[in-house]
N, C-alpha and C. Protein backbone atom coordinates (compact mmCIF):
# COMPACT_ATOMS: atom_id res chain seq x y z
N MET A 1 41.65 -42.91 -51.15
CA MET A 1 41.42 -43.77 -50.04
C MET A 1 40.99 -42.91 -48.85
N PRO A 2 39.84 -43.23 -48.24
CA PRO A 2 39.35 -42.43 -47.12
C PRO A 2 40.23 -42.61 -45.90
N ASP A 3 40.40 -41.46 -45.21
CA ASP A 3 41.21 -41.46 -43.99
C ASP A 3 40.34 -41.93 -42.83
N ARG A 4 40.91 -42.78 -42.02
CA ARG A 4 40.16 -43.32 -40.90
C ARG A 4 39.85 -42.26 -39.84
N LEU A 5 40.71 -41.27 -39.64
CA LEU A 5 40.53 -40.27 -38.60
C LEU A 5 39.76 -39.04 -39.09
N ALA A 6 39.61 -38.83 -40.34
CA ALA A 6 38.88 -37.68 -40.86
C ALA A 6 37.37 -37.95 -40.72
N PRO A 7 36.61 -36.94 -40.33
CA PRO A 7 35.16 -37.15 -40.20
C PRO A 7 34.51 -37.38 -41.54
N ARG A 8 33.53 -38.18 -41.49
CA ARG A 8 32.79 -38.48 -42.70
C ARG A 8 31.91 -37.28 -43.03
N PRO A 9 31.86 -36.83 -44.24
CA PRO A 9 31.02 -35.69 -44.59
C PRO A 9 29.54 -36.01 -44.35
N LEU A 10 28.85 -35.00 -43.79
CA LEU A 10 27.44 -35.16 -43.47
C LEU A 10 26.61 -34.82 -44.71
N PRO A 11 25.79 -35.73 -45.13
CA PRO A 11 24.96 -35.44 -46.29
C PRO A 11 23.96 -34.31 -45.96
N ARG A 12 23.66 -33.52 -46.97
CA ARG A 12 22.79 -32.37 -46.79
C ARG A 12 21.43 -32.76 -46.22
N ARG A 13 20.89 -33.85 -46.63
CA ARG A 13 19.59 -34.30 -46.15
C ARG A 13 19.63 -34.63 -44.65
N ASP A 14 20.73 -35.25 -44.20
CA ASP A 14 20.87 -35.55 -42.77
C ASP A 14 21.05 -34.26 -41.96
N TRP A 15 21.82 -33.30 -42.52
CA TRP A 15 22.04 -32.04 -41.82
C TRP A 15 20.72 -31.30 -41.65
N LEU A 16 19.89 -31.25 -42.65
CA LEU A 16 18.58 -30.59 -42.55
C LEU A 16 17.69 -31.31 -41.54
N GLY A 17 17.76 -32.61 -41.49
CA GLY A 17 16.96 -33.36 -40.51
C GLY A 17 17.39 -33.06 -39.08
N LEU A 18 18.70 -33.00 -38.84
CA LEU A 18 19.19 -32.66 -37.50
C LEU A 18 18.83 -31.23 -37.11
N ALA A 19 18.96 -30.29 -38.05
CA ALA A 19 18.62 -28.90 -37.77
C ALA A 19 17.13 -28.78 -37.41
N GLY A 20 16.27 -29.46 -38.12
CA GLY A 20 14.84 -29.45 -37.81
C GLY A 20 14.56 -30.06 -36.44
N PHE A 21 15.25 -31.15 -36.11
CA PHE A 21 15.07 -31.80 -34.82
C PHE A 21 15.45 -30.86 -33.67
N TRP A 22 16.61 -30.21 -33.77
CA TRP A 22 17.06 -29.30 -32.72
C TRP A 22 16.18 -28.05 -32.64
N SER A 23 15.72 -27.55 -33.76
CA SER A 23 14.81 -26.39 -33.74
C SER A 23 13.51 -26.72 -33.02
N ALA A 24 12.95 -27.90 -33.31
CA ALA A 24 11.71 -28.31 -32.64
C ALA A 24 11.96 -28.50 -31.15
N GLY A 25 13.12 -29.05 -30.78
CA GLY A 25 13.43 -29.23 -29.36
C GLY A 25 13.54 -27.91 -28.63
N LEU A 26 14.18 -26.92 -29.24
CA LEU A 26 14.30 -25.60 -28.61
C LEU A 26 12.93 -24.92 -28.48
N ALA A 27 12.09 -25.08 -29.48
CA ALA A 27 10.75 -24.49 -29.41
C ALA A 27 9.94 -25.12 -28.28
N ILE A 28 10.04 -26.41 -28.11
CA ILE A 28 9.31 -27.09 -27.03
C ILE A 28 9.85 -26.65 -25.67
N LEU A 29 11.16 -26.55 -25.52
CA LEU A 29 11.74 -26.09 -24.24
C LEU A 29 11.33 -24.65 -23.93
N GLY A 30 11.32 -23.79 -24.93
CA GLY A 30 10.90 -22.41 -24.73
C GLY A 30 9.44 -22.33 -24.31
N SER A 31 8.59 -23.16 -24.92
CA SER A 31 7.17 -23.18 -24.56
C SER A 31 6.98 -23.65 -23.12
N ILE A 32 7.72 -24.66 -22.73
CA ILE A 32 7.61 -25.17 -21.35
C ILE A 32 8.07 -24.10 -20.36
N ALA A 33 9.16 -23.41 -20.68
CA ALA A 33 9.64 -22.34 -19.79
C ALA A 33 8.61 -21.22 -19.69
N GLY A 34 7.96 -20.87 -20.79
CA GLY A 34 6.93 -19.84 -20.76
C GLY A 34 5.71 -20.27 -19.96
N MET A 35 5.30 -21.53 -20.10
CA MET A 35 4.14 -22.02 -19.35
C MET A 35 4.46 -22.15 -17.87
N ALA A 36 5.72 -22.39 -17.53
CA ALA A 36 6.08 -22.51 -16.11
C ALA A 36 5.90 -21.18 -15.39
N GLN A 37 5.94 -20.05 -16.10
CA GLN A 37 5.76 -18.74 -15.47
C GLN A 37 4.30 -18.34 -15.33
N LEU A 38 3.39 -19.07 -15.94
CA LEU A 38 1.98 -18.69 -15.90
C LEU A 38 1.40 -18.67 -14.48
N PRO A 39 1.70 -19.64 -13.62
CA PRO A 39 1.09 -19.59 -12.28
C PRO A 39 1.56 -18.41 -11.43
N LYS A 40 2.72 -17.82 -11.74
CA LYS A 40 3.21 -16.70 -10.95
C LYS A 40 2.54 -15.41 -11.42
N PRO A 41 1.91 -14.65 -10.52
CA PRO A 41 1.28 -13.39 -10.95
C PRO A 41 2.34 -12.33 -11.26
N ARG A 42 2.05 -11.55 -12.29
CA ARG A 42 2.97 -10.47 -12.66
C ARG A 42 2.80 -9.26 -11.76
N VAL A 43 1.61 -9.09 -11.24
CA VAL A 43 1.32 -7.97 -10.36
C VAL A 43 0.84 -8.53 -9.03
N THR A 44 1.45 -8.12 -7.96
CA THR A 44 1.01 -8.58 -6.65
C THR A 44 0.05 -7.56 -6.07
N PRO A 45 -1.04 -8.02 -5.53
CA PRO A 45 -2.02 -7.07 -4.98
C PRO A 45 -1.51 -6.44 -3.70
N GLU A 46 -1.81 -5.17 -3.54
CA GLU A 46 -1.46 -4.46 -2.31
C GLU A 46 -2.75 -4.09 -1.60
N ALA A 47 -2.64 -3.94 -0.35
CA ALA A 47 -3.81 -3.51 0.41
C ALA A 47 -4.17 -2.08 0.00
N SER A 48 -5.45 -1.83 -0.07
CA SER A 48 -5.89 -0.49 -0.45
C SER A 48 -5.57 0.49 0.66
N SER A 49 -5.21 1.69 0.29
CA SER A 49 -4.94 2.72 1.29
C SER A 49 -6.22 3.41 1.74
N LYS A 50 -7.33 3.09 1.09
CA LYS A 50 -8.60 3.73 1.44
C LYS A 50 -9.37 2.87 2.43
N VAL A 51 -9.90 3.54 3.43
CA VAL A 51 -10.63 2.86 4.49
C VAL A 51 -12.01 3.48 4.59
N ARG A 52 -13.03 2.65 4.60
CA ARG A 52 -14.39 3.15 4.81
C ARG A 52 -14.62 3.27 6.31
N ILE A 53 -15.07 4.44 6.74
CA ILE A 53 -15.22 4.65 8.18
C ILE A 53 -16.67 4.74 8.60
N GLY A 54 -17.60 4.76 7.68
CA GLY A 54 -19.01 4.76 8.05
C GLY A 54 -19.78 5.89 7.40
N ASN A 55 -21.06 5.95 7.74
CA ASN A 55 -21.93 6.99 7.20
C ASN A 55 -21.74 8.30 7.96
N PRO A 56 -21.96 9.42 7.31
CA PRO A 56 -21.80 10.71 8.00
C PRO A 56 -22.71 10.84 9.21
N SER A 57 -23.85 10.15 9.22
CA SER A 57 -24.76 10.25 10.36
C SER A 57 -24.15 9.67 11.64
N GLU A 58 -23.12 8.84 11.49
CA GLU A 58 -22.45 8.26 12.66
C GLU A 58 -21.51 9.26 13.33
N PHE A 59 -21.24 10.36 12.66
CA PHE A 59 -20.31 11.36 13.18
C PHE A 59 -21.06 12.67 13.38
N MET A 60 -21.73 12.79 14.49
CA MET A 60 -22.49 14.01 14.80
C MET A 60 -21.51 15.14 15.09
N PRO A 61 -21.84 16.37 14.67
CA PRO A 61 -20.95 17.50 14.96
C PRO A 61 -20.66 17.62 16.46
N GLY A 62 -19.41 17.82 16.76
CA GLY A 62 -18.97 17.90 18.15
C GLY A 62 -18.51 16.57 18.72
N SER A 63 -18.53 15.54 17.89
CA SER A 63 -18.11 14.21 18.38
C SER A 63 -16.71 13.87 17.90
N GLU A 64 -16.15 12.87 18.55
CA GLU A 64 -14.81 12.40 18.21
C GLU A 64 -14.81 10.89 18.37
N LYS A 65 -14.23 10.18 17.41
CA LYS A 65 -14.14 8.73 17.48
C LYS A 65 -12.71 8.30 17.27
N ILE A 66 -12.27 7.32 18.03
CA ILE A 66 -10.98 6.69 17.81
C ILE A 66 -11.26 5.36 17.12
N LEU A 67 -10.76 5.20 15.91
CA LEU A 67 -10.91 3.93 15.18
C LEU A 67 -9.60 3.16 15.36
N SER A 68 -9.56 2.35 16.40
CA SER A 68 -8.30 1.68 16.75
C SER A 68 -7.85 0.67 15.71
N GLN A 69 -8.78 0.07 14.98
CA GLN A 69 -8.37 -0.91 13.95
C GLN A 69 -7.62 -0.24 12.81
N ASN A 70 -7.86 1.07 12.61
CA ASN A 70 -7.16 1.81 11.56
C ASN A 70 -6.20 2.85 12.12
N ASN A 71 -6.09 2.94 13.44
CA ASN A 71 -5.22 3.92 14.10
C ASN A 71 -5.54 5.34 13.64
N LEU A 72 -6.83 5.66 13.70
CA LEU A 72 -7.32 6.96 13.27
C LEU A 72 -8.12 7.63 14.37
N ARG A 73 -8.06 8.94 14.37
CA ARG A 73 -8.95 9.75 15.19
C ARG A 73 -9.80 10.55 14.22
N VAL A 74 -11.10 10.42 14.31
CA VAL A 74 -12.02 11.12 13.42
C VAL A 74 -12.77 12.15 14.26
N VAL A 75 -12.69 13.39 13.82
CA VAL A 75 -13.31 14.49 14.54
C VAL A 75 -14.38 15.08 13.64
N SER A 76 -15.54 15.33 14.23
CA SER A 76 -16.61 15.97 13.50
C SER A 76 -16.95 17.28 14.20
N THR A 77 -16.92 18.36 13.46
CA THR A 77 -17.28 19.68 14.00
C THR A 77 -18.28 20.32 13.05
N SER A 78 -18.63 21.54 13.33
CA SER A 78 -19.54 22.26 12.43
C SER A 78 -18.85 22.57 11.09
N GLN A 79 -17.51 22.51 11.09
CA GLN A 79 -16.75 22.75 9.84
C GLN A 79 -16.74 21.52 8.93
N GLY A 80 -16.98 20.35 9.49
CA GLY A 80 -16.96 19.12 8.70
C GLY A 80 -16.32 17.99 9.48
N ILE A 81 -15.77 17.03 8.74
CA ILE A 81 -15.15 15.85 9.34
C ILE A 81 -13.69 15.81 8.94
N ALA A 82 -12.83 15.49 9.92
CA ALA A 82 -11.40 15.38 9.66
C ALA A 82 -10.89 14.10 10.32
N ALA A 83 -9.79 13.59 9.76
CA ALA A 83 -9.17 12.38 10.31
C ALA A 83 -7.70 12.66 10.55
N MET A 84 -7.21 12.10 11.67
CA MET A 84 -5.80 12.28 12.03
C MET A 84 -5.22 10.90 12.34
N SER A 85 -4.04 10.65 11.80
CA SER A 85 -3.36 9.38 12.07
C SER A 85 -2.86 9.38 13.50
N LEU A 86 -2.93 8.23 14.14
CA LEU A 86 -2.43 8.10 15.49
C LEU A 86 -1.06 7.45 15.52
N ALA A 87 -0.39 7.40 14.37
CA ALA A 87 0.97 6.85 14.31
C ALA A 87 1.96 7.97 14.60
N CYS A 88 2.80 7.76 15.59
CA CYS A 88 3.80 8.75 15.98
C CYS A 88 4.75 9.00 14.81
N THR A 89 5.10 10.25 14.62
CA THR A 89 5.99 10.60 13.50
C THR A 89 7.45 10.32 13.82
N HIS A 90 7.73 9.84 15.02
CA HIS A 90 9.12 9.50 15.37
C HIS A 90 9.47 8.14 14.79
N LEU A 91 8.83 7.08 15.27
CA LEU A 91 9.12 5.73 14.76
C LEU A 91 7.86 4.94 14.45
N GLY A 92 6.71 5.57 14.46
CA GLY A 92 5.50 4.91 14.02
C GLY A 92 4.73 4.18 15.09
N CYS A 93 5.07 4.33 16.35
CA CYS A 93 4.28 3.71 17.42
C CYS A 93 2.90 4.38 17.44
N ILE A 94 1.94 3.71 18.01
CA ILE A 94 0.58 4.24 18.07
C ILE A 94 0.45 5.06 19.36
N VAL A 95 0.11 6.33 19.20
CA VAL A 95 -0.01 7.21 20.35
C VAL A 95 -1.28 6.88 21.12
N GLN A 96 -1.26 7.20 22.41
CA GLN A 96 -2.39 6.92 23.29
C GLN A 96 -2.95 8.25 23.80
N PRO A 97 -4.27 8.33 23.99
CA PRO A 97 -4.84 9.56 24.54
C PRO A 97 -4.29 9.83 25.94
N SER A 98 -4.08 11.10 26.23
CA SER A 98 -3.64 11.51 27.56
C SER A 98 -4.46 12.73 27.98
N GLN A 99 -4.16 13.29 29.12
CA GLN A 99 -4.92 14.45 29.60
C GLN A 99 -4.74 15.66 28.68
N ASP A 100 -3.54 15.83 28.13
CA ASP A 100 -3.25 17.02 27.33
C ASP A 100 -3.28 16.76 25.83
N GLY A 101 -3.65 15.61 25.42
CA GLY A 101 -3.68 15.28 24.00
C GLY A 101 -3.34 13.83 23.78
N TYR A 102 -2.13 13.59 23.27
CA TYR A 102 -1.71 12.23 22.99
C TYR A 102 -0.25 12.08 23.39
N ILE A 103 0.09 10.85 23.81
CA ILE A 103 1.47 10.57 24.21
C ILE A 103 1.89 9.25 23.57
N CYS A 104 3.13 9.22 23.11
CA CYS A 104 3.67 8.00 22.49
C CYS A 104 4.22 7.10 23.60
N PRO A 105 3.74 5.87 23.70
CA PRO A 105 4.21 4.99 24.77
C PRO A 105 5.63 4.48 24.55
N CYS A 106 6.16 4.60 23.35
CA CYS A 106 7.49 4.05 23.05
C CYS A 106 8.61 4.99 23.51
N HIS A 107 8.55 6.25 23.09
CA HIS A 107 9.66 7.15 23.39
C HIS A 107 9.22 8.46 24.02
N GLY A 108 7.96 8.57 24.37
CA GLY A 108 7.48 9.70 25.15
C GLY A 108 7.16 10.97 24.39
N SER A 109 7.02 10.92 23.09
CA SER A 109 6.62 12.12 22.35
C SER A 109 5.22 12.53 22.81
N GLU A 110 5.02 13.82 22.88
CA GLU A 110 3.72 14.33 23.33
C GLU A 110 3.13 15.22 22.25
N PHE A 111 1.83 15.12 22.09
CA PHE A 111 1.11 15.88 21.06
C PHE A 111 -0.11 16.52 21.70
N ASP A 112 -0.48 17.71 21.20
CA ASP A 112 -1.72 18.33 21.68
C ASP A 112 -2.90 17.69 20.95
N PRO A 113 -4.14 18.06 21.30
CA PRO A 113 -5.30 17.41 20.67
C PRO A 113 -5.35 17.57 19.13
N ASN A 114 -4.67 18.59 18.59
CA ASN A 114 -4.64 18.77 17.14
C ASN A 114 -3.45 18.07 16.49
N GLY A 115 -2.67 17.34 17.28
CA GLY A 115 -1.55 16.57 16.74
C GLY A 115 -0.24 17.33 16.69
N ASN A 116 -0.19 18.57 17.18
CA ASN A 116 1.07 19.33 17.18
C ASN A 116 2.00 18.78 18.26
N VAL A 117 3.29 18.77 17.97
CA VAL A 117 4.28 18.24 18.90
C VAL A 117 4.43 19.22 20.06
N THR A 118 4.30 18.71 21.29
CA THR A 118 4.52 19.54 22.47
C THR A 118 5.72 19.05 23.27
N GLY A 119 6.27 17.90 22.89
CA GLY A 119 7.45 17.41 23.60
C GLY A 119 7.88 16.06 23.05
N GLY A 120 9.14 15.75 23.30
CA GLY A 120 9.64 14.44 22.91
C GLY A 120 10.40 14.45 21.59
N PRO A 121 10.79 13.28 21.16
CA PRO A 121 11.64 13.21 19.96
C PRO A 121 10.89 13.28 18.62
N ALA A 122 9.58 13.34 18.63
CA ALA A 122 8.84 13.36 17.35
C ALA A 122 9.22 14.61 16.56
N PRO A 123 9.61 14.45 15.29
CA PRO A 123 10.05 15.60 14.50
C PRO A 123 8.91 16.40 13.88
N ARG A 124 7.75 15.78 13.70
CA ARG A 124 6.65 16.45 13.01
C ARG A 124 5.33 16.19 13.74
N PRO A 125 4.34 17.03 13.47
CA PRO A 125 3.02 16.76 14.05
C PRO A 125 2.40 15.49 13.47
N LEU A 126 1.36 15.01 14.13
CA LEU A 126 0.65 13.84 13.60
C LEU A 126 0.02 14.21 12.26
N LYS A 127 -0.07 13.22 11.37
CA LYS A 127 -0.58 13.48 10.01
C LYS A 127 -2.10 13.59 10.01
N TRP A 128 -2.57 14.59 9.30
CA TRP A 128 -3.99 14.69 9.02
C TRP A 128 -4.22 14.01 7.68
N ILE A 129 -5.26 13.20 7.61
CA ILE A 129 -5.50 12.33 6.46
C ILE A 129 -6.74 12.83 5.70
N GLN A 130 -6.69 12.64 4.38
CA GLN A 130 -7.80 13.09 3.53
C GLN A 130 -9.07 12.28 3.78
N VAL A 131 -10.15 12.99 3.92
CA VAL A 131 -11.47 12.37 4.06
C VAL A 131 -12.27 12.73 2.82
N SER A 132 -12.98 11.76 2.28
CA SER A 132 -13.85 12.01 1.13
C SER A 132 -15.10 11.17 1.29
N GLN A 133 -15.94 11.22 0.31
CA GLN A 133 -17.20 10.50 0.39
C GLN A 133 -17.37 9.65 -0.86
N ALA A 134 -17.78 8.41 -0.66
CA ALA A 134 -17.99 7.50 -1.78
C ALA A 134 -19.33 7.82 -2.44
N ALA A 135 -19.55 7.20 -3.57
CA ALA A 135 -20.80 7.43 -4.30
C ALA A 135 -22.01 6.98 -3.50
N ASP A 136 -21.82 5.98 -2.64
CA ASP A 136 -22.94 5.52 -1.83
C ASP A 136 -23.13 6.35 -0.57
N GLY A 137 -22.32 7.41 -0.39
CA GLY A 137 -22.47 8.31 0.73
C GLY A 137 -21.59 7.99 1.92
N GLU A 138 -20.95 6.85 1.91
CA GLU A 138 -20.10 6.47 3.04
C GLU A 138 -18.79 7.26 3.01
N LEU A 139 -18.29 7.58 4.19
CA LEU A 139 -17.04 8.35 4.29
C LEU A 139 -15.85 7.44 4.05
N ILE A 140 -14.85 7.98 3.34
CA ILE A 140 -13.65 7.23 3.01
C ILE A 140 -12.44 8.04 3.47
N VAL A 141 -11.51 7.37 4.12
CA VAL A 141 -10.25 7.99 4.52
C VAL A 141 -9.15 7.34 3.69
N ASP A 142 -8.41 8.18 2.97
CA ASP A 142 -7.30 7.67 2.16
C ASP A 142 -6.01 7.85 2.95
N MET A 143 -5.52 6.74 3.51
CA MET A 143 -4.36 6.78 4.39
C MET A 143 -3.09 7.26 3.68
N ALA A 144 -3.08 7.24 2.35
CA ALA A 144 -1.89 7.62 1.61
C ALA A 144 -1.84 9.12 1.29
N VAL A 145 -2.93 9.82 1.55
CA VAL A 145 -2.98 11.24 1.19
C VAL A 145 -3.02 12.09 2.46
N GLU A 146 -1.98 12.87 2.65
CA GLU A 146 -1.90 13.75 3.81
C GLU A 146 -2.42 15.12 3.41
N VAL A 147 -3.15 15.74 4.31
CA VAL A 147 -3.68 17.09 4.07
C VAL A 147 -3.15 18.00 5.15
N GLN A 148 -3.38 19.29 4.99
CA GLN A 148 -2.94 20.26 5.99
C GLN A 148 -3.73 20.06 7.28
N ALA A 149 -3.07 20.32 8.39
CA ALA A 149 -3.74 20.22 9.68
C ALA A 149 -4.91 21.19 9.71
N GLY A 150 -6.01 20.71 10.23
CA GLY A 150 -7.19 21.56 10.34
C GLY A 150 -8.06 21.58 9.10
N GLN A 151 -7.75 20.74 8.11
CA GLN A 151 -8.57 20.70 6.89
C GLN A 151 -9.73 19.73 7.10
N PHE A 152 -10.94 20.24 7.03
CA PHE A 152 -12.14 19.43 7.26
C PHE A 152 -12.85 19.17 5.94
N TYR A 153 -13.47 18.00 5.87
CA TYR A 153 -14.25 17.65 4.68
C TYR A 153 -15.69 18.06 4.92
N GLN A 154 -16.22 18.82 3.99
CA GLN A 154 -17.62 19.23 4.07
C GLN A 154 -18.50 18.14 3.47
N ILE A 155 -19.45 17.68 4.24
CA ILE A 155 -20.34 16.62 3.76
C ILE A 155 -21.33 17.22 2.78
N VAL A 156 -21.46 16.54 1.66
CA VAL A 156 -22.34 17.02 0.59
C VAL A 156 -23.74 16.51 0.81
């Protein structure tokens, strides 16, 4: 006599049907979760550290240009072309030209025309930045690459 409280045994055919149903449901949920991630990019683009500053003919030997949009000072001499960052090495404020070189308006650091510290809280001289030339001949400054002070790029 069957017990009223005991569970009824599940026939093998019904068990296989339920297992298939749940497997298909999990596969559909996994697919939906995977497709939900498609609109999100895996790699976020970063701004390039390279800046095009113009043709070498724009920088005649003996000239100096301040590129305020990039916070750069570009100097052209008979030795070549060099670029110096105008970001103060203390806290990153943009230095301003003064009679003796450059002065930081935030905390008063002072730099000579070559970026060497002459006063103030700045711990290091201003960074000299790598200058190179693109295949089309235009000059490129790579803001991420620091070079030794006084290193000039020879135009080819």
